[in-house]
Protein backbone atom coordinates (compact mmCIF):
# COMPACT_ATOMS: atom_id res chain seq x y z
CA MET A 1 -51.04 -278.50 -66.99
CA LYS A 2 -53.96 -278.80 -69.39
CA ILE A 3 -56.28 -275.90 -68.57
CA ILE A 4 -59.62 -274.99 -70.14
CA VAL A 5 -60.49 -271.30 -69.88
CA GLY A 6 -64.10 -270.41 -70.55
CA GLY A 7 -64.49 -266.81 -71.71
CA ALA A 8 -62.18 -264.67 -73.85
CA GLY A 9 -63.22 -261.29 -72.47
CA SER A 10 -61.00 -259.01 -70.41
CA VAL A 11 -60.88 -261.44 -67.48
CA GLY A 12 -60.15 -264.45 -69.68
CA GLN A 13 -57.46 -262.52 -71.55
CA SER A 14 -55.79 -261.60 -68.26
CA ILE A 15 -55.69 -265.21 -67.14
CA VAL A 16 -54.55 -266.62 -70.47
CA GLY A 17 -51.81 -264.03 -70.84
CA TYR A 18 -50.35 -265.12 -67.51
CA LEU A 19 -50.81 -268.86 -67.95
CA ALA A 20 -49.18 -268.71 -71.36
CA GLN A 21 -45.88 -267.75 -69.69
CA GLY A 22 -45.64 -271.23 -68.17
CA ASN A 23 -45.60 -274.75 -69.55
CA ASN A 24 -49.37 -275.03 -69.91
CA ASP A 25 -51.64 -276.47 -72.59
CA ILE A 26 -54.39 -273.84 -72.79
CA ILE A 27 -57.77 -274.24 -74.49
CA VAL A 28 -59.97 -271.13 -74.67
CA VAL A 29 -63.71 -271.44 -75.21
CA ASP A 30 -65.88 -268.51 -76.31
CA ASN A 31 -68.83 -267.99 -78.65
CA ASP A 32 -67.24 -264.84 -80.12
CA ASN A 33 -64.83 -265.73 -82.93
CA LYS A 34 -63.40 -262.21 -83.02
CA ARG A 35 -62.34 -262.47 -79.38
CA LEU A 36 -60.80 -265.87 -79.99
CA ASP A 37 -58.86 -264.61 -83.00
CA GLU A 38 -57.51 -261.63 -81.04
CA LEU A 39 -56.43 -263.85 -78.18
CA SER A 40 -54.81 -266.39 -80.49
CA GLN A 41 -52.61 -263.62 -81.89
CA ILE A 42 -51.10 -262.74 -78.51
CA ALA A 43 -50.93 -266.17 -76.81
CA ASP A 44 -50.30 -269.80 -77.73
CA VAL A 45 -53.79 -271.22 -77.17
CA ARG A 46 -56.22 -273.59 -78.87
CA PRO A 47 -59.48 -271.72 -79.56
CA VAL A 48 -62.84 -273.48 -79.41
CA ASN A 49 -66.01 -271.71 -80.51
CA GLY A 50 -69.10 -272.30 -78.39
CA SER A 51 -70.56 -271.97 -74.91
CA ILE A 52 -68.49 -273.35 -72.04
CA SER A 53 -71.71 -274.58 -70.40
CA TYR A 54 -72.58 -276.97 -73.26
CA PRO A 55 -71.51 -280.61 -72.66
CA GLY A 56 -70.54 -281.10 -76.30
CA VAL A 57 -68.32 -278.02 -76.28
CA LEU A 58 -66.59 -279.17 -73.09
CA GLU A 59 -66.03 -282.59 -74.61
CA LYS A 60 -64.60 -280.99 -77.76
CA SER A 61 -62.30 -278.94 -75.55
CA GLY A 62 -60.80 -282.06 -74.01
CA ALA A 63 -62.50 -281.95 -70.62
CA LYS A 64 -61.94 -285.68 -70.09
CA SER A 65 -58.18 -285.20 -69.86
CA ALA A 66 -58.02 -281.62 -68.52
CA ASP A 67 -56.49 -280.76 -65.15
CA MET A 68 -58.48 -277.60 -64.52
CA LEU A 69 -61.48 -275.60 -65.70
CA ILE A 70 -61.50 -271.83 -65.21
CA ALA A 71 -64.94 -270.51 -66.19
CA VAL A 72 -64.79 -266.71 -66.39
CA THR A 73 -67.47 -265.62 -68.85
CA ASP A 74 -69.54 -262.51 -68.12
CA SER A 75 -72.41 -264.73 -66.94
CA ASP A 76 -72.30 -266.11 -63.39
CA GLU A 77 -74.89 -268.71 -64.27
CA THR A 78 -72.95 -269.96 -67.29
CA ASN A 79 -69.81 -270.32 -65.16
CA MET A 80 -71.65 -272.25 -62.46
CA VAL A 81 -73.31 -274.61 -64.94
CA ALA A 82 -69.97 -275.23 -66.66
CA CYS A 83 -68.43 -276.34 -63.35
CA GLN A 84 -71.36 -278.63 -62.65
CA ILE A 85 -71.15 -280.30 -66.07
CA ALA A 86 -67.35 -280.60 -65.86
CA TYR A 87 -67.75 -282.45 -62.57
CA SER A 88 -70.81 -284.57 -63.34
CA LEU A 89 -69.99 -285.67 -66.89
CA PHE A 90 -66.21 -285.47 -67.15
CA ASN A 91 -64.98 -285.83 -63.55
CA LEU A 92 -62.75 -282.79 -64.03
CA GLN A 93 -60.98 -282.45 -60.69
CA LYS A 94 -60.31 -278.71 -60.34
CA ARG A 95 -63.11 -276.27 -61.12
CA ILE A 96 -62.91 -272.49 -60.74
CA ALA A 97 -65.74 -270.08 -61.47
CA ARG A 98 -66.00 -266.34 -61.79
CA ILE A 99 -69.01 -265.06 -59.82
CA ASP A 100 -69.59 -261.31 -59.55
CA SER A 101 -73.16 -260.94 -58.33
CA GLU A 102 -73.53 -260.17 -54.63
CA ALA A 103 -76.70 -262.28 -54.69
CA TYR A 104 -74.50 -265.37 -55.08
CA LEU A 105 -71.59 -264.20 -52.93
CA SER A 106 -73.50 -263.65 -49.69
CA PRO A 107 -72.05 -265.68 -46.78
CA LEU A 108 -75.57 -267.01 -46.23
CA TRP A 109 -75.16 -269.24 -49.29
CA SER A 110 -71.57 -270.38 -48.77
CA THR A 111 -72.66 -273.99 -48.18
CA LEU A 112 -74.04 -274.06 -51.72
CA TYR A 113 -70.59 -274.51 -53.24
CA ASN A 114 -69.52 -278.08 -52.62
CA GLU A 115 -69.59 -281.42 -54.42
CA ALA A 116 -73.07 -282.23 -53.10
CA ASN A 117 -74.57 -279.04 -54.57
CA LEU A 118 -72.53 -276.83 -56.90
CA PRO A 119 -69.07 -278.40 -57.28
CA ILE A 120 -66.94 -275.25 -57.43
CA ASP A 121 -63.51 -275.47 -55.80
CA LEU A 122 -62.72 -271.77 -55.97
CA ILE A 123 -64.81 -268.69 -56.62
CA ILE A 124 -63.11 -265.61 -58.02
CA SER A 125 -64.71 -262.20 -58.33
CA PRO A 126 -62.32 -259.95 -60.28
CA GLU A 127 -64.56 -256.88 -60.10
CA GLN A 128 -64.77 -257.18 -56.33
CA ALA A 129 -61.03 -257.85 -56.01
CA ILE A 130 -60.17 -254.80 -58.12
CA ALA A 131 -62.44 -252.62 -55.99
CA GLU A 132 -60.72 -253.92 -52.85
CA ALA A 133 -57.27 -253.24 -54.31
CA ILE A 134 -58.21 -249.66 -55.22
CA TYR A 135 -59.76 -249.09 -51.81
CA ARG A 136 -56.52 -250.22 -50.14
CA LEU A 137 -54.57 -247.69 -52.19
CA LEU A 138 -56.76 -244.89 -50.88
CA LYS A 139 -55.41 -245.60 -47.41
CA VAL A 140 -51.84 -244.78 -48.47
CA PRO A 141 -52.11 -242.12 -51.19
CA GLY A 142 -49.04 -242.20 -53.40
CA SER A 143 -48.50 -245.95 -53.16
CA SER A 144 -49.09 -248.10 -56.23
CA GLU A 145 -49.23 -251.37 -54.23
CA TYR A 146 -50.36 -251.83 -50.64
CA LEU A 147 -50.62 -255.43 -49.44
CA PRO A 148 -50.84 -256.88 -45.93
CA PHE A 149 -48.96 -260.03 -44.84
CA PHE A 150 -48.55 -262.03 -41.64
CA ASP A 151 -52.04 -261.07 -40.41
CA GLU A 152 -51.41 -257.38 -41.19
CA LYS A 153 -48.21 -257.20 -39.15
CA LEU A 154 -46.16 -256.50 -42.29
CA TYR A 155 -46.98 -254.53 -45.43
CA LEU A 156 -45.68 -254.37 -48.96
CA LEU A 157 -45.59 -250.87 -50.42
CA SER A 158 -44.61 -249.68 -53.85
CA PHE A 159 -44.00 -246.20 -55.20
CA ARG A 160 -42.48 -244.47 -58.22
CA CYS A 161 -39.38 -242.40 -57.45
CA GLN A 162 -40.00 -238.75 -58.27
CA ALA A 163 -37.37 -236.02 -58.61
CA THR A 164 -38.32 -234.81 -55.12
CA CYS A 165 -37.53 -238.13 -53.39
CA PRO A 166 -34.91 -237.32 -50.72
CA LEU A 167 -33.29 -240.75 -51.07
CA LEU A 168 -32.36 -240.52 -54.75
CA LYS A 169 -28.79 -241.67 -55.48
CA THR A 170 -28.50 -243.05 -51.94
CA PRO A 171 -27.01 -246.58 -51.79
CA LEU A 172 -29.33 -248.98 -49.98
CA ASP A 173 -26.68 -249.90 -47.43
CA GLN A 174 -26.47 -246.22 -46.39
CA LEU A 175 -30.19 -245.73 -45.75
CA SER A 176 -29.66 -246.55 -42.08
CA MET A 177 -27.52 -243.42 -41.78
CA ILE A 178 -30.35 -241.22 -43.09
CA ALA A 179 -33.23 -243.03 -41.34
CA PRO A 180 -31.61 -245.04 -38.51
CA ASP A 181 -34.87 -246.20 -36.92
CA LEU A 182 -36.46 -247.39 -40.15
CA GLU A 183 -36.34 -251.15 -40.86
CA LEU A 184 -37.11 -251.99 -44.48
CA ASP A 185 -36.49 -254.87 -46.84
CA PHE A 186 -36.41 -254.18 -50.57
CA LEU A 187 -37.97 -256.83 -52.80
CA SER A 188 -37.47 -255.39 -56.23
CA ILE A 189 -36.82 -252.32 -58.33
CA LEU A 190 -38.52 -252.01 -61.70
CA ARG A 191 -36.36 -249.83 -63.96
CA ASN A 192 -37.01 -249.26 -67.66
CA GLY A 193 -39.27 -252.29 -67.76
CA GLN A 194 -36.70 -254.61 -66.12
CA ALA A 195 -37.06 -255.89 -62.55
CA PHE A 196 -34.15 -256.80 -60.29
CA ILE A 197 -33.58 -257.57 -56.62
CA PRO A 198 -31.47 -254.65 -55.36
CA LYS A 199 -28.18 -255.06 -53.48
CA GLY A 200 -26.50 -252.84 -50.92
CA ASN A 201 -24.67 -250.66 -53.42
CA ASP A 202 -27.70 -250.06 -55.68
CA VAL A 203 -29.25 -246.58 -55.69
CA PHE A 204 -32.67 -245.20 -56.54
CA GLU A 205 -33.12 -243.47 -59.90
CA ILE A 206 -35.88 -241.11 -61.02
CA GLY A 207 -38.72 -243.20 -62.45
CA ASP A 208 -37.85 -246.38 -60.53
CA GLU A 209 -40.78 -248.38 -59.18
CA VAL A 210 -39.61 -249.56 -55.77
CA TYR A 211 -41.18 -252.48 -53.89
CA PHE A 212 -40.35 -252.85 -50.20
CA LEU A 213 -41.58 -254.37 -46.94
CA VAL A 214 -42.25 -252.35 -43.81
CA LYS A 215 -43.64 -253.27 -40.39
CA LYS A 216 -47.06 -251.91 -39.50
CA ASN A 217 -45.78 -249.58 -36.80
CA GLN A 218 -43.35 -247.94 -39.25
CA LEU A 219 -45.73 -247.28 -42.15
CA ASP A 220 -45.92 -243.54 -41.54
CA ASP A 221 -42.15 -243.25 -41.15
CA ALA A 222 -41.58 -245.03 -44.48
CA VAL A 223 -44.09 -242.82 -46.30
CA HIS A 224 -42.32 -239.75 -44.92
CA ALA A 225 -38.82 -241.02 -45.74
CA PHE A 226 -39.68 -241.55 -49.41
CA ASP A 227 -41.66 -238.31 -49.73
CA MET A 228 -44.84 -240.24 -50.51
CA GLU A 229 -47.00 -238.08 -48.26
CA LYS A 230 -50.22 -236.79 -49.78
CA PRO A 231 -53.41 -235.41 -48.25
CA ALA A 232 -55.88 -237.93 -46.86
CA VAL A 233 -58.50 -238.97 -49.40
CA GLU A 234 -61.89 -237.44 -48.57
CA ARG A 235 -63.41 -236.53 -51.95
CA VAL A 236 -63.53 -239.20 -54.66
CA VAL A 237 -64.69 -239.10 -58.28
CA ILE A 238 -65.11 -242.41 -60.16
CA PHE A 239 -65.28 -242.55 -63.96
CA GLY A 240 -67.14 -245.57 -65.28
CA GLY A 241 -70.19 -247.13 -63.71
CA GLY A 242 -69.66 -250.87 -63.92
CA GLN A 243 -69.51 -253.47 -61.17
CA ILE A 244 -66.10 -252.22 -60.01
CA ALA A 245 -67.49 -248.73 -59.45
CA LEU A 246 -70.51 -250.14 -57.60
CA ASN A 247 -68.37 -252.31 -55.31
CA LEU A 248 -65.97 -249.44 -54.61
CA ALA A 249 -68.77 -246.96 -53.93
CA HIS A 250 -70.31 -249.34 -51.38
CA LYS A 251 -67.00 -249.39 -49.53
CA LEU A 252 -66.63 -245.63 -49.66
CA GLU A 253 -70.17 -245.09 -48.38
CA SER A 254 -69.34 -247.08 -45.25
CA ASP A 255 -66.05 -245.22 -44.69
CA ASP A 256 -66.46 -242.34 -42.23
CA ASN A 257 -63.37 -240.61 -43.64
CA ILE A 258 -64.95 -240.13 -47.08
CA LEU A 259 -66.90 -236.88 -47.35
CA SER A 260 -68.17 -237.30 -50.90
CA CYS A 261 -68.21 -239.85 -53.71
CA LYS A 262 -69.38 -239.17 -57.26
CA ILE A 263 -69.68 -241.51 -60.27
CA VAL A 264 -69.73 -240.42 -63.91
CA GLU A 265 -71.37 -242.93 -66.27
CA GLU A 266 -72.22 -242.35 -69.94
CA ASN A 267 -74.92 -245.05 -70.25
CA PRO A 268 -78.23 -243.67 -68.86
CA GLN A 269 -79.61 -247.11 -67.92
CA ILE A 270 -76.49 -248.04 -65.96
CA ALA A 271 -76.49 -244.62 -64.30
CA ARG A 272 -80.11 -245.02 -63.19
CA GLN A 273 -79.40 -248.49 -61.78
CA LEU A 274 -76.40 -247.20 -59.84
CA ALA A 275 -78.49 -244.39 -58.39
CA LYS A 276 -81.02 -246.97 -57.16
CA GLU A 277 -78.42 -249.22 -55.51
CA LEU A 278 -76.34 -246.49 -53.83
CA ASP A 279 -77.44 -244.28 -50.96
CA ASP A 280 -74.92 -241.47 -50.50
CA THR A 281 -73.16 -241.48 -53.86
CA VAL A 282 -73.95 -238.85 -56.49
CA VAL A 283 -74.38 -240.50 -59.91
CA ILE A 284 -74.00 -238.25 -62.96
CA ASN A 285 -74.99 -239.34 -66.46
CA GLY A 286 -72.74 -237.75 -69.05
CA ALA A 287 -69.58 -237.93 -71.14
CA MET A 288 -66.44 -238.36 -69.04
CA LEU A 289 -64.33 -236.13 -71.29
CA ASN A 290 -66.82 -233.27 -71.30
CA ASP A 291 -65.54 -230.09 -69.64
CA SER A 292 -68.93 -229.26 -68.13
CA ILE A 293 -69.12 -232.75 -66.56
CA LEU A 294 -65.66 -232.34 -65.04
CA GLU A 295 -66.79 -229.01 -63.64
CA GLU A 296 -70.04 -230.52 -62.33
CA VAL A 297 -68.17 -233.17 -60.34
CA ALA A 298 -65.82 -230.46 -59.00
CA ILE A 299 -62.77 -232.34 -60.25
CA SER A 300 -60.49 -229.50 -59.14
CA HIS A 301 -61.38 -230.31 -55.52
CA ALA A 302 -61.11 -234.11 -55.81
CA ASP A 303 -58.50 -235.85 -53.69
CA MET A 304 -58.69 -238.92 -55.92
CA ALA A 305 -60.01 -239.49 -59.44
CA ILE A 306 -60.44 -243.17 -60.37
CA ALA A 307 -61.04 -244.41 -63.93
CA VAL A 308 -62.42 -247.96 -64.14
CA THR A 309 -64.08 -248.29 -67.54
CA ASN A 310 -63.40 -251.30 -69.78
CA GLN A 311 -61.35 -249.15 -72.17
CA ASP A 312 -57.73 -248.53 -71.20
CA LYS A 313 -57.30 -245.49 -73.42
CA ASP A 314 -60.39 -243.85 -71.90
CA ASN A 315 -59.09 -244.56 -68.40
CA LEU A 316 -55.68 -243.07 -69.14
CA LEU A 317 -57.06 -240.03 -70.94
CA VAL A 318 -59.68 -239.11 -68.36
CA SER A 319 -57.09 -239.57 -65.59
CA LEU A 320 -54.71 -237.17 -67.34
CA LEU A 321 -57.52 -234.64 -67.79
CA ALA A 322 -58.52 -235.00 -64.15
CA LYS A 323 -54.94 -234.38 -63.08
CA GLN A 324 -54.62 -231.36 -65.37
CA ASN A 325 -57.86 -229.97 -63.94
CA GLY A 326 -56.69 -230.13 -60.34
CA ALA A 327 -57.34 -233.64 -58.96
CA THR A 328 -54.69 -234.40 -56.34
CA SER A 329 -54.17 -238.06 -57.32
CA VAL A 330 -55.42 -240.35 -60.06
CA ILE A 331 -55.80 -244.12 -60.47
CA SER A 332 -56.34 -245.88 -63.82
CA LEU A 333 -57.43 -249.46 -64.41
CA VAL A 334 -55.39 -251.22 -67.11
CA ASN A 335 -57.49 -254.05 -68.55
CA SER A 336 -55.30 -255.47 -71.31
CA GLN A 337 -51.69 -256.61 -71.21
CA ALA A 338 -51.43 -255.50 -74.83
CA ASN A 339 -51.54 -251.90 -73.60
CA ASN A 340 -48.70 -252.21 -71.12
CA THR A 341 -46.31 -250.47 -73.50
CA LEU A 342 -48.60 -247.43 -73.55
CA VAL A 343 -48.42 -246.82 -69.84
CA ASP A 344 -44.76 -247.04 -68.86
CA ASN A 345 -44.14 -243.32 -68.59
CA ILE A 346 -47.25 -241.44 -67.57
CA GLY A 347 -46.04 -239.54 -64.55
CA ASP A 348 -47.62 -240.16 -61.18
CA ASN A 349 -50.79 -241.85 -62.48
CA ILE A 350 -51.21 -244.95 -60.30
CA LEU A 351 -51.99 -248.02 -62.40
CA VAL A 352 -54.07 -250.97 -61.26
CA HIS A 353 -53.52 -253.97 -63.52
CA ARG A 354 -56.55 -256.22 -63.98
CA SER A 355 -54.31 -259.13 -64.96
CA SER A 356 -52.24 -259.03 -61.75
CA ILE A 357 -55.27 -258.83 -59.47
CA THR A 358 -57.20 -261.51 -61.34
CA ILE A 359 -54.34 -263.98 -61.51
CA SER A 360 -53.47 -263.41 -57.85
CA LYS A 361 -56.73 -265.10 -56.90
CA LEU A 362 -55.67 -268.18 -58.86
CA LEU A 363 -52.02 -268.53 -57.90
CA LYS A 364 -52.62 -270.88 -54.99
CA GLU A 365 -54.38 -273.26 -57.38
CA ILE A 366 -52.00 -273.17 -60.33
CA ARG A 367 -48.70 -273.27 -58.45
CA GLN A 368 -47.20 -276.73 -57.84
CA ASN A 369 -46.43 -276.16 -54.15
CA LYS A 370 -48.37 -275.32 -51.01
CA ILE A 371 -48.86 -271.57 -50.70
CA ASP A 372 -50.95 -269.82 -48.04
CA PHE A 373 -51.15 -266.55 -49.95
CA ALA A 374 -49.76 -265.36 -53.29
CA TYR A 375 -49.86 -262.14 -55.27
CA SER A 376 -48.71 -261.15 -58.74
CA LEU A 377 -46.93 -257.79 -58.64
CA GLY A 378 -47.20 -254.92 -61.10
CA LYS A 379 -47.36 -256.15 -64.67
CA GLY A 380 -46.53 -259.71 -63.66
CA PHE A 381 -42.76 -259.29 -63.36
CA GLY A 382 -42.80 -261.34 -60.17
CA GLU A 383 -44.82 -262.93 -57.39
CA ILE A 384 -44.74 -262.80 -53.63
CA TRP A 385 -45.62 -265.98 -51.69
CA GLU A 386 -46.48 -266.51 -48.05
CA ILE A 387 -45.68 -270.07 -46.92
CA GLU A 388 -45.76 -271.79 -43.53
CA ILE A 389 -42.91 -274.25 -43.07
CA GLU A 390 -44.13 -277.74 -42.26
CA GLU A 391 -42.21 -280.79 -41.07
CA ASN A 392 -42.21 -282.58 -44.42
CA MET A 393 -40.85 -279.63 -46.43
CA ASN A 394 -37.38 -279.81 -47.96
CA ILE A 395 -36.41 -276.43 -46.52
CA ALA A 396 -37.35 -277.22 -42.90
CA GLU A 397 -34.45 -276.78 -40.42
CA HIS A 398 -32.07 -275.65 -43.17
CA LYS A 399 -29.97 -272.52 -43.38
CA ILE A 400 -31.03 -270.15 -46.13
CA SER A 401 -27.50 -270.29 -47.54
CA SER A 402 -27.79 -274.07 -47.95
CA LEU A 403 -30.78 -273.64 -50.27
CA HIS A 404 -28.54 -272.05 -52.94
CA LEU A 405 -31.31 -269.75 -54.08
CA PRO A 406 -30.74 -268.50 -57.64
CA SER A 407 -30.79 -264.84 -58.56
CA GLY A 408 -34.43 -263.77 -58.71
CA ILE A 409 -35.60 -265.66 -55.60
CA LYS A 410 -35.36 -264.06 -52.17
CA ILE A 411 -36.67 -264.98 -48.72
CA CYS A 412 -37.58 -261.46 -47.63
CA ALA A 413 -39.10 -261.90 -44.19
CA LEU A 414 -40.20 -264.49 -41.69
CA LEU A 415 -42.62 -264.52 -38.80
CA ARG A 416 -41.51 -266.53 -35.77
CA GLN A 417 -43.51 -266.46 -32.53
CA GLU A 418 -45.08 -263.10 -33.44
CA GLU A 419 -41.66 -261.56 -34.24
CA ILE A 420 -40.91 -260.34 -37.77
CA ILE A 421 -37.35 -260.96 -38.92
CA TYR A 422 -35.58 -259.84 -42.10
CA PRO A 423 -33.36 -262.92 -42.37
CA THR A 424 -29.71 -263.14 -43.37
CA HIS A 425 -28.20 -266.07 -45.28
CA SER A 426 -27.22 -267.71 -41.96
CA GLU A 427 -30.81 -267.85 -40.68
CA ILE A 428 -32.20 -271.35 -40.06
CA LEU A 429 -35.78 -271.92 -41.21
CA HIS A 430 -37.69 -273.68 -38.43
CA ILE A 431 -40.89 -275.69 -38.57
CA GLY A 432 -43.78 -273.33 -37.86
CA ASP A 433 -42.07 -270.27 -39.32
CA LYS A 434 -44.03 -268.28 -41.87
CA ILE A 435 -41.85 -266.97 -44.67
CA LEU A 436 -42.37 -264.36 -47.36
CA ILE A 437 -40.69 -265.08 -50.69
CA PHE A 438 -40.23 -262.84 -53.72
CA VAL A 439 -39.95 -264.77 -56.98
CA ASN A 440 -39.01 -263.19 -60.29
CA SER A 441 -41.32 -264.43 -63.06
CA ARG A 442 -38.39 -266.17 -64.78
CA GLN A 443 -37.73 -268.29 -61.67
CA ILE A 444 -41.27 -269.53 -60.92
CA ARG A 445 -40.62 -273.15 -61.89
CA ARG A 446 -37.37 -273.26 -59.91
CA ALA A 447 -39.07 -271.80 -56.85
CA GLU A 448 -41.81 -274.42 -57.06
CA GLN A 449 -39.11 -277.12 -56.89
CA ILE A 450 -37.33 -275.55 -53.90
CA PHE A 451 -40.28 -274.69 -51.67
CA VAL A 452 -42.03 -278.07 -51.48
């Protein structure tokens, strides 16, 4: 695919870092040469200096022969204009725009985005998506991923194995002896930076990140079995006052279970604006790493401290300080893939990866098969796809065993007539079934060929 990415900021970097893993010709457009140089050092891209909304810059970028435009600059208006020009002047067929402002995202204006008005095929809002992902994690404290599938009948959970986990050293095929009523399916274990699909004789080790599926009615049992139980989140402190913090605070203000929400922001202008837009959230202007500020927000009584600045090191440091000062749980936003090596062993700090959340919104568009829902897990070690089997698909009415799935691809669950099944190799995939597939990042292209 020939893909033009407009914007080399944190969002653009996340997208480019992921796209560069595949067989894509990537052109990155930005008016900041420093950003372009930094990105060129970590990914195989062709940099173009200029504004993505200028016709001449789009032409120079090869818009006439491009397959897709992904406009993700910090300006909503620039992204929208770029899509319009790409359509009107260059007939570029797939146009994606980042739009963060709620003024544009209101359902009242949804009819604006079509070929007759603003020709945008897909709108992504990374700041909103990150806020939603963090908010989901608050519902299951201790989980590092919490995703619904099959209309919220099935959930994916992830957690890091601590020394207190009662299932350490227990082979997977013996879990039924310890928890006989618990039905789980394990997608992957991430150990020492390497992901693998576990087998029956594999055991959990301290530090493992375990990804598994559980039915909705067994969520509490699974949390208990893996010793993931933590107090319900009622008091929240957010460090960083950007759009993510604003979106998250809006959600917390409408949640009856949240007793208090506080935001710490160092920039006085941003702090004042937040205070104007929020009703029940306390906004404090001050340095995040200041002891008196931590005392003012009563960090020792916080159930959850959340760091969502644009600087990874600040997020990690303030999270560690919050934990040391008594916060029950902490969440840190990781903005750059370049910092992944810094965050492999930082205890029970829950990490939210901007790259995974951002790219998840694009997966349906960039994959070469029909996917109803897709999500990039963790640091991008794999994806999970939800697909409905249609009559013209190669896999329809075939046994799973006949598909000869390579290592790294697993059909984890299927929904058939409202019943969730964890299928064996002898299961036949019927037309109308919805299936959930885990795909290791090294097997993406092969999976695209199989599930068509």
